[in-house]
Amino acid sequence: MSQSPTDLETVPLSTALREHTADAHARAEESPFMADLLAGRLGTEALVALLAQSLPIYAALEDACGVHAGDPVLAPLLDPRLERTPALRADLAAQAAAGCRFDTVLPAAEAYAAELATLGPAGLLAHHYVRYLGDLSGGQIIARLTQRHYGTDPAVLTFYAFDIEKPKTYKDRYRTTLDTLPLTAAQRAETLAAAARGFELNRWLFDELHQRFHP
């Protein structure tokens, strides 16, 4: 059960983020596209389409984080090992060389990337949390299941491979860092709202992908 707005103002930020985004997170996870992809009902093209939509999103996020890299609200979380743009480009190039490509950037991905480019440190913090902790959690399941169902070579799934220690250890440290960030009350509220928005943008993207593969 989500906590009240008053509670979310006083609990650690990592807890507030988890509680505030719980419903939006569940809606994104339950999307028909992801259910079909992870159950083996689609194909490699669907996975490549997902990666192709992810590229402009991560490029925008990482460019914007670079602009605000000196801000104390964001700087403690920035880690080059998390950045996914180079891996996405490499994976998509390898898939294209193997004859599987998806060159269309869907409107939801374009809108997501455009929105990221407008955000300041508190908003970017939220999307940093949504994207990278998601990649270190559910993203690892996506990698395993797509390899199982579609025979995807791990060499073309480097997007999901992080040069870090055990994901759980890293995520625990990330959450500890979240709880020490010097956010004002207004920035904290902005971060919570932007995190929920991040999951909504993901759901929108998954809906468009579902329509693409179930015309």
N, C-alpha and C. Protein backbone atom coordinates (compact mmCIF):
# COMPACT_ATOMS: atom_id res chain seq x y z
N MET A 1 0.85 -1.20 0.00
CA MET A 1 0.00 0.00 0.00
C MET A 1 0.88 1.24 0.00
N SER A 2 0.55 2.23 -0.86
CA SER A 2 1.34 3.45 -0.92
C SER A 2 1.15 4.26 0.35
N GLN A 3 2.22 4.94 0.74
CA GLN A 3 2.14 5.78 1.92
C GLN A 3 1.49 7.10 1.56
N SER A 4 1.03 7.83 2.60
CA SER A 4 0.40 9.12 2.38
C SER A 4 1.45 10.13 1.94
N PRO A 5 1.02 11.26 1.30
CA PRO A 5 1.98 12.29 0.91
C PRO A 5 2.83 12.78 2.07
N THR A 6 2.22 12.87 3.27
CA THR A 6 2.99 13.33 4.43
C THR A 6 4.09 12.34 4.76
N ASP A 7 3.78 11.05 4.74
CA ASP A 7 4.79 10.03 5.01
C ASP A 7 5.93 10.11 4.01
N LEU A 8 5.59 10.33 2.74
CA LEU A 8 6.62 10.36 1.69
C LEU A 8 7.56 11.54 1.84
N GLU A 9 7.16 12.54 2.59
CA GLU A 9 8.03 13.69 2.83
C GLU A 9 9.08 13.39 3.89
N THR A 10 8.88 12.35 4.69
CA THR A 10 9.76 12.12 5.83
C THR A 10 10.57 10.84 5.74
N VAL A 11 10.12 9.87 4.97
CA VAL A 11 10.88 8.62 4.87
C VAL A 11 12.10 8.83 3.98
N PRO A 12 13.09 7.93 4.03
CA PRO A 12 14.24 8.04 3.13
C PRO A 12 13.79 8.12 1.67
N LEU A 13 14.55 8.83 0.86
CA LEU A 13 14.17 9.03 -0.53
C LEU A 13 14.00 7.71 -1.27
N SER A 14 14.88 6.75 -1.01
CA SER A 14 14.77 5.47 -1.71
C SER A 14 13.43 4.79 -1.41
N THR A 15 12.99 4.90 -0.16
CA THR A 15 11.69 4.33 0.22
C THR A 15 10.55 5.11 -0.42
N ALA A 16 10.66 6.43 -0.40
CA ALA A 16 9.62 7.26 -1.00
C ALA A 16 9.48 6.99 -2.49
N LEU A 17 10.60 6.82 -3.17
CA LEU A 17 10.55 6.52 -4.60
C LEU A 17 9.86 5.18 -4.86
N ARG A 18 10.22 4.19 -4.09
CA ARG A 18 9.61 2.88 -4.28
C ARG A 18 8.10 2.94 -4.04
N GLU A 19 7.70 3.61 -2.95
CA GLU A 19 6.28 3.67 -2.61
C GLU A 19 5.50 4.51 -3.62
N HIS A 20 6.07 5.65 -4.00
CA HIS A 20 5.34 6.58 -4.86
C HIS A 20 5.17 6.03 -6.27
N THR A 21 6.10 5.20 -6.71
CA THR A 21 6.05 4.69 -8.09
C THR A 21 5.45 3.29 -8.19
N ALA A 22 5.02 2.72 -7.08
CA ALA A 22 4.62 1.31 -7.09
C ALA A 22 3.52 1.02 -8.11
N ASP A 23 2.49 1.85 -8.15
CA ASP A 23 1.38 1.59 -9.06
C ASP A 23 1.81 1.76 -10.52
N ALA A 24 2.51 2.86 -10.81
CA ALA A 24 2.96 3.11 -12.18
C ALA A 24 3.95 2.04 -12.63
N HIS A 25 4.79 1.60 -11.71
CA HIS A 25 5.75 0.54 -12.02
C HIS A 25 5.01 -0.75 -12.38
N ALA A 26 4.01 -1.10 -11.62
CA ALA A 26 3.25 -2.32 -11.88
C ALA A 26 2.55 -2.25 -13.23
N ARG A 27 1.99 -1.08 -13.57
CA ARG A 27 1.32 -0.95 -14.86
C ARG A 27 2.29 -1.13 -16.02
N ALA A 28 3.50 -0.60 -15.88
CA ALA A 28 4.50 -0.76 -16.94
C ALA A 28 4.92 -2.22 -17.06
N GLU A 29 5.14 -2.88 -15.93
CA GLU A 29 5.57 -4.28 -15.95
C GLU A 29 4.52 -5.20 -16.55
N GLU A 30 3.26 -4.83 -16.40
CA GLU A 30 2.16 -5.68 -16.86
C GLU A 30 1.77 -5.42 -18.31
N SER A 31 2.55 -4.65 -19.04
CA SER A 31 2.19 -4.33 -20.42
C SER A 31 2.15 -5.59 -21.27
N PRO A 32 1.20 -5.68 -22.20
CA PRO A 32 1.11 -6.87 -23.06
C PRO A 32 2.37 -7.10 -23.89
N PHE A 33 3.01 -6.02 -24.34
CA PHE A 33 4.22 -6.20 -25.14
C PHE A 33 5.30 -6.93 -24.35
N MET A 34 5.55 -6.47 -23.12
CA MET A 34 6.61 -7.10 -22.34
C MET A 34 6.22 -8.53 -21.96
N ALA A 35 4.94 -8.75 -21.67
CA ALA A 35 4.50 -10.11 -21.35
C ALA A 35 4.75 -11.05 -22.52
N ASP A 36 4.43 -10.60 -23.73
CA ASP A 36 4.64 -11.43 -24.92
C ASP A 36 6.12 -11.63 -25.20
N LEU A 37 6.90 -10.57 -25.06
CA LEU A 37 8.34 -10.67 -25.33
C LEU A 37 8.99 -11.68 -24.40
N LEU A 38 8.66 -11.59 -23.12
CA LEU A 38 9.33 -12.44 -22.13
C LEU A 38 8.78 -13.86 -22.11
N ALA A 39 7.63 -14.06 -22.71
CA ALA A 39 7.07 -15.42 -22.79
C ALA A 39 7.48 -16.13 -24.07
N GLY A 40 8.25 -15.46 -24.92
CA GLY A 40 8.70 -16.09 -26.15
C GLY A 40 7.68 -16.07 -27.27
N ARG A 41 6.69 -15.19 -27.18
CA ARG A 41 5.63 -15.15 -28.19
C ARG A 41 5.91 -14.19 -29.34
N LEU A 42 7.02 -13.48 -29.29
CA LEU A 42 7.35 -12.53 -30.35
C LEU A 42 8.56 -13.06 -31.12
N GLY A 43 9.61 -12.28 -31.22
CA GLY A 43 10.79 -12.73 -31.94
C GLY A 43 11.91 -11.74 -31.76
N THR A 44 13.02 -12.01 -32.42
CA THR A 44 14.19 -11.14 -32.26
C THR A 44 13.89 -9.72 -32.71
N GLU A 45 13.06 -9.55 -33.74
CA GLU A 45 12.77 -8.20 -34.20
C GLU A 45 12.13 -7.35 -33.11
N ALA A 46 11.31 -7.97 -32.27
CA ALA A 46 10.67 -7.22 -31.18
C ALA A 46 11.71 -6.76 -30.17
N LEU A 47 12.66 -7.62 -29.87
CA LEU A 47 13.74 -7.22 -28.96
C LEU A 47 14.55 -6.09 -29.57
N VAL A 48 14.88 -6.20 -30.85
CA VAL A 48 15.65 -5.15 -31.52
C VAL A 48 14.85 -3.85 -31.55
N ALA A 49 13.54 -3.94 -31.74
CA ALA A 49 12.71 -2.74 -31.72
C ALA A 49 12.77 -2.06 -30.36
N LEU A 50 12.74 -2.85 -29.29
CA LEU A 50 12.84 -2.29 -27.95
C LEU A 50 14.18 -1.59 -27.76
N LEU A 51 15.25 -2.21 -28.21
CA LEU A 51 16.57 -1.59 -28.09
C LEU A 51 16.65 -0.32 -28.92
N ALA A 52 16.04 -0.34 -30.10
CA ALA A 52 16.08 0.83 -30.98
C ALA A 52 15.35 2.02 -30.35
N GLN A 53 14.28 1.76 -29.61
CA GLN A 53 13.58 2.85 -28.91
C GLN A 53 14.39 3.33 -27.71
N SER A 54 15.14 2.42 -27.12
CA SER A 54 15.93 2.78 -25.93
C SER A 54 17.08 3.71 -26.28
N LEU A 55 17.61 3.61 -27.49
CA LEU A 55 18.80 4.40 -27.84
C LEU A 55 18.57 5.90 -27.70
N PRO A 56 17.55 6.51 -28.31
CA PRO A 56 17.38 7.95 -28.13
C PRO A 56 17.07 8.34 -26.69
N ILE A 57 16.42 7.45 -25.96
CA ILE A 57 16.10 7.75 -24.56
C ILE A 57 17.37 7.83 -23.72
N TYR A 58 18.24 6.84 -23.86
CA TYR A 58 19.48 6.85 -23.08
C TYR A 58 20.42 7.94 -23.55
N ALA A 59 20.46 8.20 -24.84
CA ALA A 59 21.32 9.27 -25.33
C ALA A 59 20.89 10.61 -24.74
N ALA A 60 19.58 10.85 -24.69
CA ALA A 60 19.08 12.10 -24.11
C ALA A 60 19.35 12.17 -22.62
N LEU A 61 19.12 11.07 -21.91
CA LEU A 61 19.36 11.04 -20.46
C LEU A 61 20.82 11.28 -20.15
N GLU A 62 21.69 10.61 -20.86
CA GLU A 62 23.12 10.71 -20.55
C GLU A 62 23.69 12.06 -20.98
N ASP A 63 23.18 12.62 -22.07
CA ASP A 63 23.61 13.97 -22.46
C ASP A 63 23.17 14.98 -21.40
N ALA A 64 21.93 14.88 -20.95
CA ALA A 64 21.42 15.83 -19.96
C ALA A 64 22.14 15.68 -18.63
N CYS A 65 22.43 14.45 -18.23
CA CYS A 65 23.19 14.24 -16.99
C CYS A 65 24.58 14.84 -17.11
N GLY A 66 25.16 14.78 -18.30
CA GLY A 66 26.47 15.39 -18.50
C GLY A 66 26.42 16.90 -18.32
N VAL A 67 25.35 17.51 -18.78
CA VAL A 67 25.19 18.96 -18.63
C VAL A 67 25.14 19.35 -17.16
N HIS A 68 24.49 18.52 -16.34
CA HIS A 68 24.29 18.83 -14.92
C HIS A 68 25.20 18.01 -14.00
N ALA A 69 26.29 17.52 -14.54
CA ALA A 69 27.14 16.60 -13.79
C ALA A 69 27.74 17.21 -12.53
N GLY A 70 27.84 18.52 -12.48
CA GLY A 70 28.42 19.16 -11.31
C GLY A 70 27.43 19.48 -10.21
N ASP A 71 26.18 19.20 -10.43
CA ASP A 71 25.16 19.54 -9.44
C ASP A 71 25.18 18.52 -8.30
N PRO A 72 25.19 18.98 -7.05
CA PRO A 72 25.28 18.04 -5.91
C PRO A 72 24.07 17.13 -5.76
N VAL A 73 22.95 17.47 -6.36
CA VAL A 73 21.77 16.61 -6.31
C VAL A 73 21.94 15.38 -7.19
N LEU A 74 22.73 15.51 -8.25
CA LEU A 74 22.85 14.44 -9.24
C LEU A 74 24.23 13.78 -9.24
N ALA A 75 25.25 14.58 -9.00
CA ALA A 75 26.63 14.10 -9.18
C ALA A 75 26.97 12.81 -8.43
N PRO A 76 26.53 12.62 -7.18
CA PRO A 76 26.95 11.40 -6.47
C PRO A 76 26.48 10.09 -7.11
N LEU A 77 25.46 10.15 -7.96
CA LEU A 77 24.95 8.93 -8.59
C LEU A 77 25.56 8.64 -9.95
N LEU A 78 26.21 9.63 -10.54
CA LEU A 78 26.72 9.45 -11.90
C LEU A 78 27.91 8.51 -11.90
N ASP A 79 27.86 7.55 -12.79
CA ASP A 79 28.88 6.51 -12.88
C ASP A 79 28.98 6.09 -14.34
N PRO A 80 30.14 6.30 -14.97
CA PRO A 80 30.27 5.93 -16.39
C PRO A 80 29.94 4.47 -16.66
N ARG A 81 30.07 3.62 -15.66
CA ARG A 81 29.77 2.20 -15.87
C ARG A 81 28.29 1.94 -16.10
N LEU A 82 27.45 2.87 -15.71
CA LEU A 82 26.02 2.72 -15.93
C LEU A 82 25.60 3.12 -17.34
N GLU A 83 26.36 3.96 -17.98
CA GLU A 83 25.93 4.53 -19.26
C GLU A 83 25.72 3.45 -20.31
N ARG A 84 24.60 3.53 -21.00
CA ARG A 84 24.17 2.47 -21.90
C ARG A 84 24.23 2.83 -23.38
N THR A 85 24.43 4.09 -23.72
CA THR A 85 24.38 4.49 -25.12
C THR A 85 25.40 3.74 -25.98
N PRO A 86 26.67 3.66 -25.59
CA PRO A 86 27.62 2.92 -26.45
C PRO A 86 27.24 1.46 -26.64
N ALA A 87 26.76 0.81 -25.58
CA ALA A 87 26.36 -0.60 -25.70
C ALA A 87 25.16 -0.76 -26.61
N LEU A 88 24.20 0.15 -26.51
CA LEU A 88 23.03 0.09 -27.39
C LEU A 88 23.44 0.22 -28.85
N ARG A 89 24.31 1.17 -29.13
CA ARG A 89 24.75 1.35 -30.51
C ARG A 89 25.47 0.10 -31.02
N ALA A 90 26.29 -0.48 -30.17
CA ALA A 90 27.02 -1.69 -30.59
C ALA A 90 26.06 -2.86 -30.81
N ASP A 91 25.10 -3.03 -29.93
CA ASP A 91 24.14 -4.13 -30.07
C ASP A 91 23.30 -3.97 -31.33
N LEU A 92 22.84 -2.76 -31.59
CA LEU A 92 22.01 -2.53 -32.77
C LEU A 92 22.81 -2.72 -34.05
N ALA A 93 24.07 -2.30 -34.04
CA ALA A 93 24.92 -2.50 -35.21
C ALA A 93 25.16 -3.98 -35.46
N ALA A 94 25.39 -4.74 -34.38
CA ALA A 94 25.62 -6.18 -34.52
C ALA A 94 24.36 -6.89 -35.02
N GLN A 95 23.21 -6.49 -34.52
CA GLN A 95 21.96 -7.09 -34.98
C GLN A 95 21.71 -6.75 -36.45
N ALA A 96 22.00 -5.52 -36.85
CA ALA A 96 21.82 -5.13 -38.25
C ALA A 96 22.74 -5.93 -39.16
N ALA A 97 23.96 -6.14 -38.70
CA ALA A 97 24.91 -6.93 -39.50
C ALA A 97 24.44 -8.36 -39.67
N ALA A 98 23.66 -8.84 -38.68
CA ALA A 98 23.12 -10.20 -38.75
C ALA A 98 21.79 -10.25 -39.50
N GLY A 99 21.34 -9.10 -39.98
CA GLY A 99 20.13 -9.07 -40.79
C GLY A 99 18.86 -8.70 -40.06
N CYS A 100 18.98 -8.24 -38.82
CA CYS A 100 17.79 -7.85 -38.05
C CYS A 100 17.94 -6.40 -37.63
N ARG A 101 17.07 -5.56 -38.17
CA ARG A 101 17.15 -4.14 -37.82
C ARG A 101 15.74 -3.58 -37.67
N PHE A 102 15.65 -2.49 -36.93
CA PHE A 102 14.38 -1.79 -36.74
C PHE A 102 14.74 -0.31 -36.69
N ASP A 103 14.50 0.38 -37.79
CA ASP A 103 15.00 1.75 -37.93
C ASP A 103 14.02 2.82 -37.50
N THR A 104 12.81 2.45 -37.15
CA THR A 104 11.78 3.43 -36.80
C THR A 104 11.87 3.80 -35.32
N VAL A 105 11.94 5.10 -35.04
CA VAL A 105 11.82 5.57 -33.66
C VAL A 105 10.36 5.98 -33.47
N LEU A 106 9.68 5.31 -32.58
CA LEU A 106 8.25 5.54 -32.38
C LEU A 106 7.99 6.86 -31.67
N PRO A 107 6.80 7.44 -31.84
CA PRO A 107 6.49 8.72 -31.21
C PRO A 107 6.71 8.74 -29.70
N ALA A 108 6.41 7.64 -29.02
CA ALA A 108 6.59 7.61 -27.57
C ALA A 108 8.05 7.75 -27.19
N ALA A 109 8.94 7.12 -27.94
CA ALA A 109 10.37 7.24 -27.65
C ALA A 109 10.86 8.65 -27.95
N GLU A 110 10.38 9.24 -29.04
CA GLU A 110 10.76 10.61 -29.37
C GLU A 110 10.31 11.57 -28.27
N ALA A 111 9.09 11.40 -27.80
CA ALA A 111 8.57 12.28 -26.75
C ALA A 111 9.32 12.09 -25.44
N TYR A 112 9.64 10.85 -25.12
CA TYR A 112 10.39 10.53 -23.90
C TYR A 112 11.75 11.23 -23.94
N ALA A 113 12.46 11.09 -25.05
CA ALA A 113 13.78 11.70 -25.18
C ALA A 113 13.68 13.22 -25.11
N ALA A 114 12.68 13.79 -25.77
CA ALA A 114 12.52 15.24 -25.76
C ALA A 114 12.24 15.75 -24.35
N GLU A 115 11.45 15.01 -23.59
CA GLU A 115 11.14 15.42 -22.22
C GLU A 115 12.39 15.38 -21.35
N LEU A 116 13.20 14.36 -21.50
CA LEU A 116 14.43 14.25 -20.71
C LEU A 116 15.34 15.45 -20.94
N ALA A 117 15.37 15.94 -22.17
CA ALA A 117 16.26 17.05 -22.51
C ALA A 117 15.86 18.35 -21.83
N THR A 118 14.63 18.42 -21.30
CA THR A 118 14.15 19.65 -20.67
C THR A 118 14.36 19.66 -19.16
N LEU A 119 14.79 18.55 -18.58
CA LEU A 119 14.79 18.41 -17.12
C LEU A 119 16.04 18.97 -16.47
N GLY A 120 15.87 19.41 -15.23
CA GLY A 120 16.99 19.79 -14.40
C GLY A 120 17.44 18.63 -13.52
N PRO A 121 18.35 18.88 -12.59
CA PRO A 121 18.93 17.79 -11.79
C PRO A 121 17.92 16.93 -11.04
N ALA A 122 16.91 17.52 -10.42
CA ALA A 122 15.96 16.72 -9.63
C ALA A 122 15.15 15.79 -10.51
N GLY A 123 14.74 16.27 -11.68
CA GLY A 123 14.00 15.41 -12.60
C GLY A 123 14.88 14.33 -13.20
N LEU A 124 16.10 14.70 -13.55
CA LEU A 124 17.03 13.71 -14.11
C LEU A 124 17.37 12.63 -13.09
N LEU A 125 17.49 13.02 -11.83
CA LEU A 125 17.73 12.05 -10.77
C LEU A 125 16.66 10.96 -10.79
N ALA A 126 15.41 11.37 -10.97
CA ALA A 126 14.32 10.40 -10.99
C ALA A 126 14.45 9.42 -12.14
N HIS A 127 14.74 9.92 -13.33
CA HIS A 127 14.85 9.04 -14.49
C HIS A 127 16.11 8.19 -14.42
N HIS A 128 17.16 8.71 -13.82
CA HIS A 128 18.37 7.93 -13.58
C HIS A 128 18.02 6.71 -12.72
N TYR A 129 17.25 6.95 -11.69
CA TYR A 129 16.80 5.87 -10.80
C TYR A 129 15.93 4.87 -11.55
N VAL A 130 14.95 5.36 -12.28
CA VAL A 130 14.02 4.46 -12.99
C VAL A 130 14.76 3.61 -14.01
N ARG A 131 15.61 4.24 -14.82
CA ARG A 131 16.25 3.52 -15.91
C ARG A 131 17.31 2.54 -15.40
N TYR A 132 18.27 3.03 -14.65
CA TYR A 132 19.43 2.19 -14.34
C TYR A 132 19.13 1.13 -13.28
N LEU A 133 18.35 1.48 -12.27
CA LEU A 133 17.99 0.42 -11.32
C LEU A 133 17.08 -0.61 -11.99
N GLY A 134 16.28 -0.15 -12.94
CA GLY A 134 15.49 -1.10 -13.71
C GLY A 134 16.36 -2.03 -14.54
N ASP A 135 17.40 -1.49 -15.14
CA ASP A 135 18.30 -2.32 -15.95
C ASP A 135 19.05 -3.33 -15.10
N LEU A 136 19.37 -2.94 -13.87
CA LEU A 136 20.09 -3.84 -12.98
C LEU A 136 19.16 -4.85 -12.30
N SER A 137 17.86 -4.67 -12.46
CA SER A 137 16.88 -5.58 -11.86
C SER A 137 16.15 -6.34 -12.96
N GLY A 138 15.03 -5.80 -13.42
CA GLY A 138 14.26 -6.47 -14.46
C GLY A 138 15.01 -6.64 -15.76
N GLY A 139 15.94 -5.73 -16.03
CA GLY A 139 16.73 -5.86 -17.26
C GLY A 139 17.52 -7.15 -17.32
N GLN A 140 17.96 -7.62 -16.17
CA GLN A 140 18.72 -8.87 -16.15
C GLN A 140 17.80 -10.06 -16.47
N ILE A 141 16.54 -9.96 -16.07
CA ILE A 141 15.57 -11.00 -16.41
C ILE A 141 15.28 -10.97 -17.91
N ILE A 142 15.14 -9.77 -18.47
CA ILE A 142 14.92 -9.65 -19.92
C ILE A 142 16.05 -10.33 -20.68
N ALA A 143 17.28 -10.07 -20.26
CA ALA A 143 18.42 -10.66 -20.96
C ALA A 143 18.37 -12.19 -20.90
N ARG A 144 18.09 -12.73 -19.73
CA ARG A 144 18.05 -14.20 -19.59
C ARG A 144 16.93 -14.82 -20.42
N LEU A 145 15.75 -14.22 -20.36
CA LEU A 145 14.61 -14.83 -21.05
C LEU A 145 14.70 -14.68 -22.56
N THR A 146 15.25 -13.58 -23.05
CA THR A 146 15.39 -13.45 -24.51
C THR A 146 16.46 -14.41 -25.03
N GLN A 147 17.48 -14.65 -24.25
CA GLN A 147 18.46 -15.66 -24.66
C GLN A 147 17.80 -17.04 -24.69
N ARG A 148 16.97 -17.33 -23.71
CA ARG A 148 16.32 -18.64 -23.64
C ARG A 148 15.32 -18.84 -24.78
N HIS A 149 14.46 -17.84 -25.01
CA HIS A 149 13.38 -18.02 -25.98
C HIS A 149 13.80 -17.80 -27.42
N TYR A 150 14.73 -16.87 -27.64
CA TYR A 150 15.06 -16.50 -29.02
C TYR A 150 16.48 -16.87 -29.42
N GLY A 151 17.21 -17.47 -28.49
CA GLY A 151 18.58 -17.85 -28.79
C GLY A 151 19.49 -16.67 -29.04
N THR A 152 19.18 -15.54 -28.42
CA THR A 152 19.97 -14.33 -28.63
C THR A 152 21.37 -14.49 -28.05
N ASP A 153 22.35 -14.19 -28.86
CA ASP A 153 23.75 -14.28 -28.44
C ASP A 153 24.03 -13.19 -27.40
N PRO A 154 24.57 -13.54 -26.23
CA PRO A 154 24.90 -12.51 -25.24
C PRO A 154 25.81 -11.42 -25.79
N ALA A 155 26.57 -11.73 -26.84
CA ALA A 155 27.47 -10.74 -27.42
C ALA A 155 26.72 -9.58 -28.07
N VAL A 156 25.43 -9.77 -28.38
CA VAL A 156 24.64 -8.67 -28.93
C VAL A 156 23.60 -8.19 -27.92
N LEU A 157 23.81 -8.53 -26.65
CA LEU A 157 22.98 -8.04 -25.56
C LEU A 157 23.84 -7.33 -24.52
N THR A 158 24.85 -6.61 -24.98
CA THR A 158 25.74 -5.94 -24.03
C THR A 158 25.05 -4.80 -23.31
N PHE A 159 23.91 -4.34 -23.83
CA PHE A 159 23.12 -3.32 -23.15
C PHE A 159 22.80 -3.75 -21.72
N TYR A 160 22.58 -5.03 -21.51
CA TYR A 160 22.20 -5.53 -20.20
C TYR A 160 23.39 -5.99 -19.36
N ALA A 161 24.59 -5.87 -19.90
CA ALA A 161 25.80 -6.34 -19.20
C ALA A 161 26.54 -5.14 -18.62
N PHE A 162 26.66 -5.10 -17.31
CA PHE A 162 27.30 -3.98 -16.63
C PHE A 162 28.65 -4.42 -16.07
N ASP A 163 29.62 -3.54 -16.21
CA ASP A 163 30.96 -3.81 -15.68
C ASP A 163 31.02 -3.37 -14.22
N ILE A 164 30.22 -4.06 -13.40
CA ILE A 164 30.16 -3.74 -11.98
C ILE A 164 30.17 -5.04 -11.19
N GLU A 165 30.28 -4.90 -9.88
CA GLU A 165 30.20 -6.06 -9.00
C GLU A 165 28.76 -6.58 -9.00
N LYS A 166 28.42 -7.41 -8.08
CA LYS A 166 27.08 -7.99 -8.05
C LYS A 166 26.01 -6.89 -8.07
N PRO A 167 25.00 -7.03 -8.95
CA PRO A 167 23.97 -6.00 -9.04
C PRO A 167 23.33 -5.64 -7.70
N LYS A 168 23.05 -6.63 -6.86
CA LYS A 168 22.40 -6.32 -5.59
C LYS A 168 23.27 -5.42 -4.73
N THR A 169 24.56 -5.70 -4.68
CA THR A 169 25.47 -4.85 -3.91
C THR A 169 25.46 -3.43 -4.44
N TYR A 170 25.51 -3.31 -5.75
CA TYR A 170 25.52 -1.99 -6.37
C TYR A 170 24.21 -1.26 -6.09
N LYS A 171 23.10 -1.94 -6.23
CA LYS A 171 21.80 -1.30 -6.01
C LYS A 171 21.64 -0.87 -4.55
N ASP A 172 22.11 -1.67 -3.63
CA ASP A 172 22.04 -1.28 -2.22
C ASP A 172 22.83 0.00 -1.97
N ARG A 173 24.02 0.08 -2.56
CA ARG A 173 24.84 1.28 -2.38
C ARG A 173 24.19 2.48 -3.07
N TYR A 174 23.59 2.25 -4.22
CA TYR A 174 22.90 3.33 -4.94
C TYR A 174 21.78 3.90 -4.06
N ARG A 175 20.99 3.03 -3.45
CA ARG A 175 19.88 3.50 -2.61
C ARG A 175 20.40 4.25 -1.38
N THR A 176 21.50 3.79 -0.83
CA THR A 176 22.10 4.51 0.30
C THR A 176 22.51 5.91 -0.12
N THR A 177 23.08 6.02 -1.32
CA THR A 177 23.47 7.33 -1.83
C THR A 177 22.25 8.21 -2.05
N LEU A 178 21.18 7.64 -2.60
CA LEU A 178 19.94 8.40 -2.77
C LEU A 178 19.51 9.07 -1.46
N ASP A 179 19.64 8.34 -0.38
CA ASP A 179 19.14 8.82 0.90
C ASP A 179 20.00 9.92 1.51
N THR A 180 21.15 10.18 0.91
CA THR A 180 22.03 11.23 1.42
C THR A 180 22.05 12.47 0.53
N LEU A 181 21.30 12.48 -0.56
CA LEU A 181 21.35 13.60 -1.49
C LEU A 181 20.72 14.85 -0.87
N PRO A 182 21.31 16.03 -1.13
CA PRO A 182 20.84 17.27 -0.49
C PRO A 182 19.69 17.93 -1.24
N LEU A 183 18.56 17.26 -1.31
CA LEU A 183 17.40 17.82 -2.00
C LEU A 183 16.60 18.73 -1.09
N THR A 184 16.11 19.83 -1.65
CA THR A 184 15.13 20.63 -0.94
C THR A 184 13.78 19.91 -0.99
N ALA A 185 12.83 20.41 -0.22
CA ALA A 185 11.49 19.80 -0.25
C ALA A 185 10.89 19.88 -1.65
N ALA A 186 11.10 21.00 -2.32
CA ALA A 186 10.56 21.16 -3.68
C ALA A 186 11.23 20.20 -4.65
N GLN A 187 12.54 20.04 -4.52
CA GLN A 187 13.25 19.11 -5.40
C GLN A 187 12.82 17.67 -5.14
N ARG A 188 12.62 17.34 -3.89
CA ARG A 188 12.18 15.98 -3.56
C ARG A 188 10.82 15.69 -4.21
N ALA A 189 9.91 16.65 -4.11
CA ALA A 189 8.59 16.47 -4.73
C ALA A 189 8.73 16.33 -6.24
N GLU A 190 9.61 17.13 -6.84
CA GLU A 190 9.84 17.03 -8.28
C GLU A 190 10.39 15.66 -8.65
N THR A 191 11.31 15.15 -7.85
CA THR A 191 11.90 13.84 -8.13
C THR A 191 10.84 12.74 -8.06
N LEU A 192 10.00 12.78 -7.05
CA LEU A 192 8.96 11.75 -6.92
C LEU A 192 8.00 11.79 -8.10
N ALA A 193 7.59 12.99 -8.50
CA ALA A 193 6.66 13.11 -9.62
C ALA A 193 7.31 12.63 -10.91
N ALA A 194 8.58 12.99 -11.11
CA ALA A 194 9.27 12.60 -12.35
C ALA A 194 9.51 11.10 -12.41
N ALA A 195 9.72 10.46 -11.28
CA ALA A 195 9.92 9.01 -11.28
C ALA A 195 8.64 8.29 -11.71
N ALA A 196 7.51 8.71 -11.17
CA ALA A 196 6.24 8.13 -11.60
C ALA A 196 6.01 8.39 -13.08
N ARG A 197 6.36 9.58 -13.52
CA ARG A 197 6.23 9.92 -14.93
C ARG A 197 7.11 9.01 -15.79
N GLY A 198 8.29 8.66 -15.30
CA GLY A 198 9.17 7.78 -16.05
C GLY A 198 8.52 6.44 -16.34
N PHE A 199 7.86 5.87 -15.36
CA PHE A 199 7.18 4.59 -15.58
C PHE A 199 5.99 4.76 -16.53
N GLU A 200 5.32 5.90 -16.46
CA GLU A 200 4.21 6.16 -17.39
C GLU A 200 4.73 6.26 -18.83
N LEU A 201 5.87 6.92 -19.01
CA LEU A 201 6.45 7.02 -20.34
C LEU A 201 6.86 5.65 -20.86
N ASN A 202 7.37 4.81 -19.98
CA ASN A 202 7.70 3.44 -20.38
C ASN A 202 6.45 2.69 -20.82
N ARG A 203 5.37 2.83 -20.08
CA ARG A 203 4.14 2.13 -20.44
C ARG A 203 3.64 2.61 -21.81
N TRP A 204 3.72 3.89 -22.05
CA TRP A 204 3.30 4.44 -23.35
C TRP A 204 4.13 3.81 -24.46
N LEU A 205 5.43 3.73 -24.25
CA LEU A 205 6.30 3.12 -25.25
C LEU A 205 5.95 1.65 -25.47
N PHE A 206 5.73 0.92 -24.39
CA PHE A 206 5.37 -0.50 -24.54
C PHE A 206 4.04 -0.66 -25.28
N ASP A 207 3.10 0.24 -25.03
CA ASP A 207 1.82 0.18 -25.74
C ASP A 207 2.03 0.37 -27.24
N GLU A 208 2.88 1.31 -27.62
CA GLU A 208 3.14 1.53 -29.05
C GLU A 208 3.85 0.33 -29.67
N LEU A 209 4.76 -0.27 -28.93
CA LEU A 209 5.43 -1.46 -29.45
C LEU A 209 4.43 -2.62 -29.60
N HIS A 210 3.53 -2.73 -28.65
CA HIS A 210 2.50 -3.78 -28.75
C HIS A 210 1.66 -3.59 -30.01
N GLN A 211 1.27 -2.35 -30.27
CA GLN A 211 0.48 -2.08 -31.47
C GLN A 211 1.28 -2.40 -32.73
N ARG A 212 2.57 -2.15 -32.67
CA ARG A 212 3.42 -2.41 -33.84
C ARG A 212 3.48 -3.91 -34.16
N PHE A 213 3.53 -4.72 -33.12
CA PHE A 213 3.69 -6.17 -33.34
C PHE A 213 2.37 -6.93 -33.27
N HIS A 214 1.27 -6.21 -33.00
CA HIS A 214 -0.07 -6.80 -33.04
C HIS A 214 -0.99 -5.84 -33.78
N PRO A 215 -0.74 -5.64 -35.08
CA PRO A 215 -1.53 -4.65 -35.83
C PRO A 215 -3.00 -5.04 -35.93
